[in-house]
Amino acid sequence: QVRLVESGGGLVQPGGSLRLSCAASGRTFSISTMGWYRQAPGKPRELVATKSPSGSTNYAEFVKGRFTISRDGAKNTVDLQMDSLKPEDTATYYCNAKWVFGANMYDSWGQGTQVTVSS
């Protein structure tokens, strides 16, 4: 089992910045890709950014150039630096970790942290 705890959400004005952090515990040696997803009210959960163990990143088009994902393998953390925030970035943000046990891959999710972009 991999457990994830997020922090760093809050209220910010348009154009502002926030940094989200996620710390993993448990079977951290089995973690593969880590990343961030978000879900706005009435909408499905969507990928924001992911980072593989090798360092490869994948960003959603709507955050390219504004958000940066970083990962510390030694500390088992993944952060999301969000700049130039827009009202449409308002959502609950979830940390995700994919981990392997035997021949199977599993997903773990954090509890979510609210990001609200409003003036």
Protein backbone atom coordinates (compact mmCIF):
# COMPACT_ATOMS: atom_id res chain seq x y z
CA GLN A 1 0.00 0.00 0.00
CA VAL A 2 1.13 3.53 -0.81
CA ARG A 3 -0.35 6.46 1.10
CA LEU A 4 -0.30 10.01 -0.15
CA VAL A 5 -0.77 13.26 1.75
CA GLU A 6 -1.13 16.56 -0.06
CA SER A 7 -0.67 20.11 1.15
CA GLY A 8 -0.48 23.62 -0.23
CA GLY A 9 -3.89 24.44 -1.66
CA GLY A 10 -5.74 27.66 -0.99
CA LEU A 11 -7.23 30.83 -2.40
CA VAL A 12 -5.21 32.92 -4.84
CA GLN A 13 -5.95 35.80 -7.18
CA PRO A 14 -5.79 35.37 -10.95
CA GLY A 15 -2.19 35.60 -12.09
CA GLY A 16 -0.91 34.38 -8.75
CA SER A 17 1.05 31.29 -7.79
CA LEU A 18 0.63 28.29 -5.52
CA ARG A 19 2.79 25.28 -4.80
CA LEU A 20 1.27 21.90 -4.03
CA SER A 21 3.23 19.19 -2.28
CA CYS A 22 2.59 15.49 -1.90
CA ALA A 23 4.43 13.04 0.34
CA ALA A 24 4.25 9.29 -0.11
CA SER A 25 4.67 6.64 2.56
CA GLY A 26 4.35 2.89 2.75
CA ARG A 27 5.65 0.77 -0.15
CA THR A 28 7.47 3.73 -1.66
CA PHE A 29 10.12 1.47 -3.21
CA SER A 30 7.43 0.15 -5.56
CA ILE A 31 6.30 3.56 -6.86
CA SER A 32 6.53 4.21 -10.57
CA THR A 33 5.00 7.37 -12.02
CA MET A 34 3.73 10.13 -9.74
CA GLY A 35 1.60 13.05 -10.72
CA TRP A 36 -1.26 15.43 -10.22
CA TYR A 37 -4.85 15.34 -11.40
CA ARG A 38 -7.70 17.74 -10.79
CA GLN A 39 -11.46 17.69 -10.67
CA ALA A 40 -13.78 20.66 -10.90
CA PRO A 41 -17.42 20.41 -9.77
CA GLY A 42 -19.52 18.57 -12.31
CA LYS A 43 -16.52 17.58 -14.40
CA PRO A 44 -14.49 14.37 -14.64
CA ARG A 45 -11.07 14.08 -13.07
CA GLU A 46 -8.34 15.08 -15.52
CA LEU A 47 -4.60 14.73 -15.75
CA VAL A 48 -2.55 17.82 -14.95
CA ALA A 49 1.04 16.56 -14.96
CA THR A 50 3.02 13.39 -14.31
CA LYS A 51 6.66 12.52 -13.85
CA SER A 52 8.21 9.11 -14.32
CA PRO A 53 11.09 7.63 -12.32
CA SER A 54 13.40 8.40 -15.24
CA GLY A 55 12.35 12.06 -15.16
CA SER A 56 10.07 12.13 -18.18
CA THR A 57 7.23 14.58 -17.76
CA ASN A 58 3.77 14.79 -19.26
CA TYR A 59 1.69 17.95 -19.04
CA ALA A 60 -1.87 18.68 -20.03
CA GLU A 61 -2.03 21.26 -22.79
CA PHE A 62 -3.92 23.70 -20.62
CA VAL A 63 -1.04 23.96 -18.09
CA LYS A 64 1.99 23.91 -20.37
CA GLY A 65 4.22 26.84 -19.68
CA ARG A 66 2.44 27.67 -16.44
CA PHE A 67 2.81 24.61 -14.18
CA THR A 68 5.97 22.69 -13.33
CA ILE A 69 6.10 19.26 -11.75
CA SER A 70 9.09 18.20 -9.70
CA ARG A 71 9.89 15.02 -7.89
CA ASP A 72 12.36 13.98 -5.19
CA GLY A 73 12.93 10.24 -5.29
CA ALA A 74 14.89 10.17 -2.07
CA LYS A 75 12.14 11.94 -0.14
CA ASN A 76 9.26 10.32 -2.06
CA THR A 77 7.65 13.64 -2.77
CA VAL A 78 6.13 15.27 -5.83
CA ASP A 79 5.40 18.97 -6.07
CA LEU A 80 3.41 21.08 -8.49
CA GLN A 81 4.42 24.70 -8.94
CA MET A 82 1.48 26.59 -10.41
CA ASP A 83 2.09 30.04 -11.87
CA SER A 84 -0.11 32.43 -13.84
CA LEU A 85 -3.18 30.84 -12.33
CA LYS A 86 -6.55 31.35 -13.99
CA PRO A 87 -10.07 31.08 -12.59
CA GLU A 88 -10.56 27.95 -14.69
CA ASP A 89 -7.77 26.29 -12.70
CA THR A 90 -10.13 26.19 -9.73
CA ALA A 91 -10.55 22.55 -8.72
CA THR A 92 -9.67 19.93 -6.18
CA TYR A 93 -6.17 18.70 -6.95
CA TYR A 94 -5.23 15.08 -6.27
CA CYS A 95 -1.82 13.51 -5.99
CA ASN A 96 -1.45 10.13 -7.68
CA ALA A 97 1.12 7.39 -7.45
CA LYS A 98 1.27 4.27 -9.57
CA TRP A 99 2.92 1.36 -7.81
CA VAL A 100 3.70 -2.23 -8.57
CA PHE A 101 2.99 -5.30 -6.49
CA GLY A 102 3.68 -8.64 -8.08
CA ALA A 103 2.48 -8.54 -11.66
CA ASN A 104 -0.04 -5.79 -11.06
CA MET A 105 0.03 -2.02 -11.07
CA TYR A 106 -2.10 -0.05 -8.66
CA ASP A 107 -3.15 3.56 -8.18
CA SER A 108 -3.05 5.42 -4.90
CA TRP A 109 -4.71 8.80 -4.43
CA GLY A 110 -4.35 11.55 -1.91
CA GLN A 111 -7.31 13.09 -0.17
CA GLY A 112 -7.29 16.14 -2.42
CA THR A 113 -6.48 19.77 -1.82
CA GLN A 114 -8.68 22.66 -2.92
CA VAL A 115 -7.32 25.35 -5.21
CA THR A 116 -9.51 28.39 -5.76
CA VAL A 117 -8.50 31.14 -8.17
CA SER A 118 -10.67 34.19 -7.70
CA SER A 119 -10.45 37.93 -7.25
